[in-house]
Amino acid sequence: MDTRTERLGQVMGHEGPRLQLRPPAGGREWEVEPAGVRAATEVELMIAKVRQANAASRWGK
């Protein structure tokens, strides 16, 4: 979880000291300082899964 923007992201790698995060359903990566990241809560993960499932059902995936 990016604490600066409150966005959920998966760590994809790092560029120098900054981490690169990507939204769980894909999309543009963004960079964040390691101090600005925390583990997502179970509730935040569940919300992300529901959003992803809803988006997939809307597009017939």
PDB file of N, CA and C in Angstrom:
ATOM      1  N   MET A   1       0.854  -1.168   0.000  1.00  0.00           N
ATOM      2  CA  MET A   1       0.000   0.000   0.000  1.00  0.00           C
ATOM      3  C   MET A   1       0.900   1.230   0.000  1.00  0.00           C
ATOM      4  N   ASP A   2       0.668   2.094  -0.944  1.00  0.00           N
ATOM      5  CA  ASP A   2       1.393   3.365  -1.018  1.00  0.00           C
ATOM      6  C   ASP A   2       0.723   4.297  -0.007  1.00  0.00           C
ATOM      7  N   THR A   3       1.428   4.621   1.066  1.00  0.00           N
ATOM      8  CA  THR A   3       0.836   5.436   2.130  1.00  0.00           C
ATOM      9  C   THR A   3       0.655   6.890   1.722  1.00  0.00           C
ATOM     10  N   ARG A   4       1.362   7.315   0.715  1.00  0.00           N
ATOM     11  CA  ARG A   4       1.255   8.699   0.242  1.00  0.00           C
ATOM     12  C   ARG A   4      -0.055   8.904  -0.509  1.00  0.00           C
ATOM     13  N   THR A   5      -0.422   7.926  -1.362  1.00  0.00           N
ATOM     14  CA  THR A   5      -1.618   8.056  -2.195  1.00  0.00           C
ATOM     15  C   THR A   5      -2.752   7.125  -1.770  1.00  0.00           C
ATOM     16  N   GLU A   6      -2.464   6.214  -0.827  1.00  0.00           N
ATOM     17  CA  GLU A   6      -3.424   5.196  -0.380  1.00  0.00           C
ATOM     18  C   GLU A   6      -3.863   4.297  -1.525  1.00  0.00           C
ATOM     19  N   ARG A   7      -2.958   4.052  -2.461  1.00  0.00           N
ATOM     20  CA  ARG A   7      -3.224   3.145  -3.581  1.00  0.00           C
ATOM     21  C   ARG A   7      -2.586   1.796  -3.307  1.00  0.00           C
ATOM     22  N   LEU A   8      -3.309   0.744  -3.653  1.00  0.00           N
ATOM     23  CA  LEU A   8      -2.799  -0.604  -3.520  1.00  0.00           C
ATOM     24  C   LEU A   8      -1.957  -0.924  -4.748  1.00  0.00           C
ATOM     25  N   GLY A   9      -0.800  -1.472  -4.534  1.00  0.00           N
ATOM     26  CA  GLY A   9       0.067  -1.833  -5.648  1.00  0.00           C
ATOM     27  C   GLY A   9       0.904  -3.049  -5.321  1.00  0.00           C
ATOM     28  N   GLN A  10       1.274  -3.756  -6.363  1.00  0.00           N
ATOM     29  CA  GLN A  10       2.166  -4.906  -6.232  1.00  0.00           C
ATOM     30  C   GLN A  10       3.567  -4.427  -6.574  1.00  0.00           C
ATOM     31  N   VAL A  11       4.530  -4.799  -5.751  1.00  0.00           N
ATOM     32  CA  VAL A  11       5.910  -4.399  -6.023  1.00  0.00           C
ATOM     33  C   VAL A  11       6.401  -5.172  -7.240  1.00  0.00           C
ATOM     34  N   MET A  12       6.827  -4.439  -8.270  1.00  0.00           N
ATOM     35  CA  MET A  12       7.297  -5.046  -9.506  1.00  0.00           C
ATOM     36  C   MET A  12       8.820  -5.042  -9.602  1.00  0.00           C
ATOM     37  N   GLY A  13       9.441  -4.165  -8.829  1.00  0.00           N
ATOM     38  CA  GLY A  13      10.893  -4.067  -8.874  1.00  0.00           C
ATOM     39  C   GLY A  13      11.326  -2.779  -8.215  1.00  0.00           C
ATOM     40  N   HIS A  14      12.536  -2.387  -8.528  1.00  0.00           N
ATOM     41  CA  HIS A  14      13.028  -1.121  -7.981  1.00  0.00           C
ATOM     42  C   HIS A  14      13.979  -0.488  -8.977  1.00  0.00           C
ATOM     43  N   GLU A  15      14.036   0.804  -8.931  1.00  0.00           N
ATOM     44  CA  GLU A  15      14.952   1.602  -9.741  1.00  0.00           C
ATOM     45  C   GLU A  15      15.741   2.431  -8.751  1.00  0.00           C
ATOM     46  N   GLY A  16      16.972   2.033  -8.507  1.00  0.00           N
ATOM     47  CA  GLY A  16      17.750   2.686  -7.466  1.00  0.00           C
ATOM     48  C   GLY A  16      17.073   2.428  -6.138  1.00  0.00           C
ATOM     49  N   PRO A  17      16.893   3.458  -5.329  1.00  0.00           N
ATOM     50  CA  PRO A  17      16.289   3.257  -4.013  1.00  0.00           C
ATOM     51  C   PRO A  17      14.760   3.236  -4.026  1.00  0.00           C
ATOM     52  N   ARG A  18      14.133   3.553  -5.161  1.00  0.00           N
ATOM     53  CA  ARG A  18      12.666   3.655  -5.212  1.00  0.00           C
ATOM     54  C   ARG A  18      12.046   2.348  -5.709  1.00  0.00           C
ATOM     55  N   LEU A  19      10.895   1.988  -5.103  1.00  0.00           N
ATOM     56  CA  LEU A  19      10.157   0.800  -5.515  1.00  0.00           C
ATOM     57  C   LEU A  19       9.218   1.153  -6.654  1.00  0.00           C
ATOM     58  N   GLN A  20       8.986   0.190  -7.526  1.00  0.00           N
ATOM     59  CA  GLN A  20       8.025   0.357  -8.611  1.00  0.00           C
ATOM     60  C   GLN A  20       6.810  -0.498  -8.293  1.00  0.00           C
ATOM     61  N   LEU A  21       5.655   0.142  -8.204  1.00  0.00           N
ATOM     62  CA  LEU A  21       4.402  -0.537  -7.897  1.00  0.00           C
ATOM     63  C   LEU A  21       3.487  -0.514  -9.111  1.00  0.00           C
ATOM     64  N   ARG A  22       2.637  -1.540  -9.207  1.00  0.00           N
ATOM     65  CA  ARG A  22       1.642  -1.612 -10.280  1.00  0.00           C
ATOM     66  C   ARG A  22       0.311  -2.000  -9.650  1.00  0.00           C
ATOM     67  N   PRO A  23      -0.794  -1.431 -10.125  1.00  0.00           N
ATOM     68  CA  PRO A  23      -2.107  -1.818  -9.605  1.00  0.00           C
ATOM     69  C   PRO A  23      -2.324  -3.332  -9.782  1.00  0.00           C
ATOM     70  N   PRO A  24      -3.062  -3.976  -8.885  1.00  0.00           N
ATOM     71  CA  PRO A  24      -3.267  -5.424  -8.965  1.00  0.00           C
ATOM     72  C   PRO A  24      -3.872  -5.896 -10.289  1.00  0.00           C
ATOM     73  N   ALA A  25      -4.743  -5.104 -10.894  1.00  0.00           N
ATOM     74  CA  ALA A  25      -5.376  -5.500 -12.155  1.00  0.00           C
ATOM     75  C   ALA A  25      -4.565  -5.072 -13.370  1.00  0.00           C
ATOM     76  N   GLY A  26      -3.372  -4.545 -13.135  1.00  0.00           N
ATOM     77  CA  GLY A  26      -2.537  -4.064 -14.233  1.00  0.00           C
ATOM     78  C   GLY A  26      -2.696  -2.569 -14.399  1.00  0.00           C
ATOM     79  N   GLY A  27      -1.885  -2.018 -15.241  1.00  0.00           N
ATOM     80  CA  GLY A  27      -1.919  -0.585 -15.463  1.00  0.00           C
ATOM     81  C   GLY A  27      -0.532   0.015 -15.325  1.00  0.00           C
ATOM     82  N   ARG A  28      -0.499   1.319 -15.261  1.00  0.00           N
ATOM     83  CA  ARG A  28       0.769   2.044 -15.190  1.00  0.00           C
ATOM     84  C   ARG A  28       1.440   1.875 -13.832  1.00  0.00           C
ATOM     85  N   GLU A  29       2.724   1.640 -13.894  1.00  0.00           N
ATOM     86  CA  GLU A  29       3.516   1.574 -12.668  1.00  0.00           C
ATOM     87  C   GLU A  29       3.786   2.981 -12.163  1.00  0.00           C
ATOM     88  N   TRP A  30       4.043   3.064 -10.868  1.00  0.00           N
ATOM     89  CA  TRP A  30       4.474   4.327 -10.279  1.00  0.00           C
ATOM     90  C   TRP A  30       5.579   4.020  -9.284  1.00  0.00           C
ATOM     91  N   GLU A  31       6.329   5.029  -8.938  1.00  0.00           N
ATOM     92  CA  GLU A  31       7.452   4.863  -8.025  1.00  0.00           C
ATOM     93  C   GLU A  31       7.135   5.457  -6.661  1.00  0.00           C
ATOM     94  N   VAL A  32       7.713   4.838  -5.644  1.00  0.00           N
ATOM     95  CA  VAL A  32       7.512   5.297  -4.278  1.00  0.00           C
ATOM     96  C   VAL A  32       8.759   4.952  -3.460  1.00  0.00           C
ATOM     97  N   GLU A  33       9.035   5.805  -2.483  1.00  0.00           N
ATOM     98  CA  GLU A  33      10.137   5.539  -1.563  1.00  0.00           C
ATOM     99  C   GLU A  33       9.766   4.336  -0.691  1.00  0.00           C
ATOM    100  N   PRO A  34      10.719   3.482  -0.351  1.00  0.00           N
ATOM    101  CA  PRO A  34      10.410   2.325   0.502  1.00  0.00           C
ATOM    102  C   PRO A  34       9.747   2.703   1.829  1.00  0.00           C
ATOM    103  N   ALA A  35      10.081   3.844   2.384  1.00  0.00           N
ATOM    104  CA  ALA A  35       9.469   4.269   3.646  1.00  0.00           C
ATOM    105  C   ALA A  35       7.990   4.610   3.472  1.00  0.00           C
ATOM    106  N   GLY A  36       7.543   4.812   2.230  1.00  0.00           N
ATOM    107  CA  GLY A  36       6.158   5.168   1.958  1.00  0.00           C
ATOM    108  C   GLY A  36       5.294   3.984   1.585  1.00  0.00           C
ATOM    109  N   VAL A  37       5.741   2.772   1.921  1.00  0.00           N
ATOM    110  CA  VAL A  37       5.004   1.558   1.573  1.00  0.00           C
ATOM    111  C   VAL A  37       4.742   0.754   2.841  1.00  0.00           C
ATOM    112  N   ARG A  38       3.557   0.166   2.905  1.00  0.00           N
ATOM    113  CA  ARG A  38       3.240  -0.745   4.000  1.00  0.00           C
ATOM    114  C   ARG A  38       2.463  -1.927   3.426  1.00  0.00           C
ATOM    115  N   ALA A  39       2.401  -2.999   4.188  1.00  0.00           N
ATOM    116  CA  ALA A  39       1.626  -4.159   3.763  1.00  0.00           C
ATOM    117  C   ALA A  39       0.141  -3.804   3.785  1.00  0.00           C
ATOM    118  N   ALA A  40      -0.587  -4.295   2.803  1.00  0.00           N
ATOM    119  CA  ALA A  40      -2.030  -4.060   2.743  1.00  0.00           C
ATOM    120  C   ALA A  40      -2.723  -4.906   3.801  1.00  0.00           C
ATOM    121  N   THR A  41      -3.832  -4.396   4.317  1.00  0.00           N
ATOM    122  CA  THR A  41      -4.634  -5.160   5.272  1.00  0.00           C
ATOM    123  C   THR A  41      -5.475  -6.188   4.521  1.00  0.00           C
ATOM    124  N   GLU A  42      -6.022  -7.145   5.248  1.00  0.00           N
ATOM    125  CA  GLU A  42      -6.903  -8.140   4.637  1.00  0.00           C
ATOM    126  C   GLU A  42      -8.110  -7.473   3.984  1.00  0.00           C
ATOM    127  N   VAL A  43      -8.652  -6.458   4.618  1.00  0.00           N
ATOM    128  CA  VAL A  43      -9.809  -5.739   4.073  1.00  0.00           C
ATOM    129  C   VAL A  43      -9.439  -5.056   2.757  1.00  0.00           C
ATOM    130  N   GLU A  44      -8.290  -4.399   2.712  1.00  0.00           N
ATOM    131  CA  GLU A  44      -7.845  -3.724   1.482  1.00  0.00           C
ATOM    132  C   GLU A  44      -7.641  -4.724   0.355  1.00  0.00           C
ATOM    133  N   LEU A  45      -7.094  -5.888   0.673  1.00  0.00           N
ATOM    134  CA  LEU A  45      -6.906  -6.932  -0.350  1.00  0.00           C
ATOM    135  C   LEU A  45      -8.248  -7.448  -0.854  1.00  0.00           C
ATOM    136  N   MET A  46      -9.196  -7.633   0.055  1.00  0.00           N
ATOM    137  CA  MET A  46     -10.518  -8.113  -0.342  1.00  0.00           C
ATOM    138  C   MET A  46     -11.220  -7.090  -1.230  1.00  0.00           C
ATOM    139  N   ILE A  47     -11.138  -5.829  -0.888  1.00  0.00           N
ATOM    140  CA  ILE A  47     -11.736  -4.769  -1.711  1.00  0.00           C
ATOM    141  C   ILE A  47     -11.146  -4.795  -3.112  1.00  0.00           C
ATOM    142  N   ALA A  48      -9.836  -4.942  -3.204  1.00  0.00           N
ATOM    143  CA  ALA A  48      -9.175  -4.986  -4.518  1.00  0.00           C
ATOM    144  C   ALA A  48      -9.649  -6.191  -5.320  1.00  0.00           C
ATOM    145  N   LYS A  49      -9.815  -7.349  -4.680  1.00  0.00           N
ATOM    146  CA  LYS A  49     -10.271  -8.548  -5.383  1.00  0.00           C
ATOM    147  C   LYS A  49     -11.699  -8.381  -5.892  1.00  0.00           C
ATOM    148  N   VAL A  50     -12.559  -7.774  -5.077  1.00  0.00           N
ATOM    149  CA  VAL A  50     -13.942  -7.544  -5.491  1.00  0.00           C
ATOM    150  C   VAL A  50     -13.985  -6.586  -6.676  1.00  0.00           C
ATOM    151  N   ARG A  51     -13.208  -5.514  -6.607  1.00  0.00           N
ATOM    152  CA  ARG A  51     -13.161  -4.553  -7.724  1.00  0.00           C
ATOM    153  C   ARG A  51     -12.683  -5.228  -9.004  1.00  0.00           C
ATOM    154  N   GLN A  52     -11.671  -6.070  -8.868  1.00  0.00           N
ATOM    155  CA  GLN A  52     -11.129  -6.765 -10.039  1.00  0.00           C
ATOM    156  C   GLN A  52     -12.173  -7.717 -10.627  1.00  0.00           C
ATOM    157  N   ALA A  53     -12.889  -8.445  -9.773  1.00  0.00           N
ATOM    158  CA  ALA A  53     -13.928  -9.358 -10.243  1.00  0.00           C
ATOM    159  C   ALA A  53     -15.069  -8.596 -10.908  1.00  0.00           C
ATOM    160  N   ASN A  54     -15.463  -7.475 -10.330  1.00  0.00           N
ATOM    161  CA  ASN A  54     -16.532  -6.664 -10.923  1.00  0.00           C
ATOM    162  C   ASN A  54     -16.119  -6.117 -12.277  1.00  0.00           C
ATOM    163  N   ALA A  55     -14.895  -5.661 -12.387  1.00  0.00           N
ATOM    164  CA  ALA A  55     -14.404  -5.125 -13.667  1.00  0.00           C
ATOM    165  C   ALA A  55     -14.374  -6.234 -14.725  1.00  0.00           C
ATOM    166  N   ALA A  56     -13.946  -7.412 -14.340  1.00  0.00           N
ATOM    167  CA  ALA A  56     -13.881  -8.530 -15.293  1.00  0.00           C
ATOM    168  C   ALA A  56     -15.272  -8.943 -15.755  1.00  0.00           C
ATOM    169  N   SER A  57     -16.249  -8.940 -14.849  1.00  0.00           N
ATOM    170  CA  SER A  57     -17.599  -9.340 -15.243  1.00  0.00           C
ATOM    171  C   SER A  57     -18.246  -8.294 -16.152  1.00  0.00           C
ATOM    172  N   ARG A  58     -17.897  -7.028 -15.967  1.00  0.00           N
ATOM    173  CA  ARG A  58     -18.426  -5.969 -16.834  1.00  0.00           C
ATOM    174  C   ARG A  58     -17.910  -6.106 -18.252  1.00  0.00           C
ATOM    175  N   TRP A  59     -16.698  -6.603 -18.399  1.00  0.00           N
ATOM    176  CA  TRP A  59     -16.077  -6.703 -19.719  1.00  0.00           C
ATOM    177  C   TRP A  59     -16.128  -8.141 -20.243  1.00  0.00           C
ATOM    178  N   GLY A  60     -16.848  -9.023 -19.571  1.00  0.00           N
ATOM    179  CA  GLY A  60     -17.027 -10.392 -20.060  1.00  0.00           C
ATOM    180  C   GLY A  60     -15.774 -11.232 -19.988  1.00  0.00           C
ATOM    181  N   LYS A  61     -14.929 -10.961 -19.032  1.00  0.00           N
ATOM    182  CA  LYS A  61     -13.686 -11.746 -18.900  1.00  0.00           C
ATOM    183  C   LYS A  61     -13.842 -12.793 -17.832  1.00  0.00           C
TER     184      LYS A  61
END
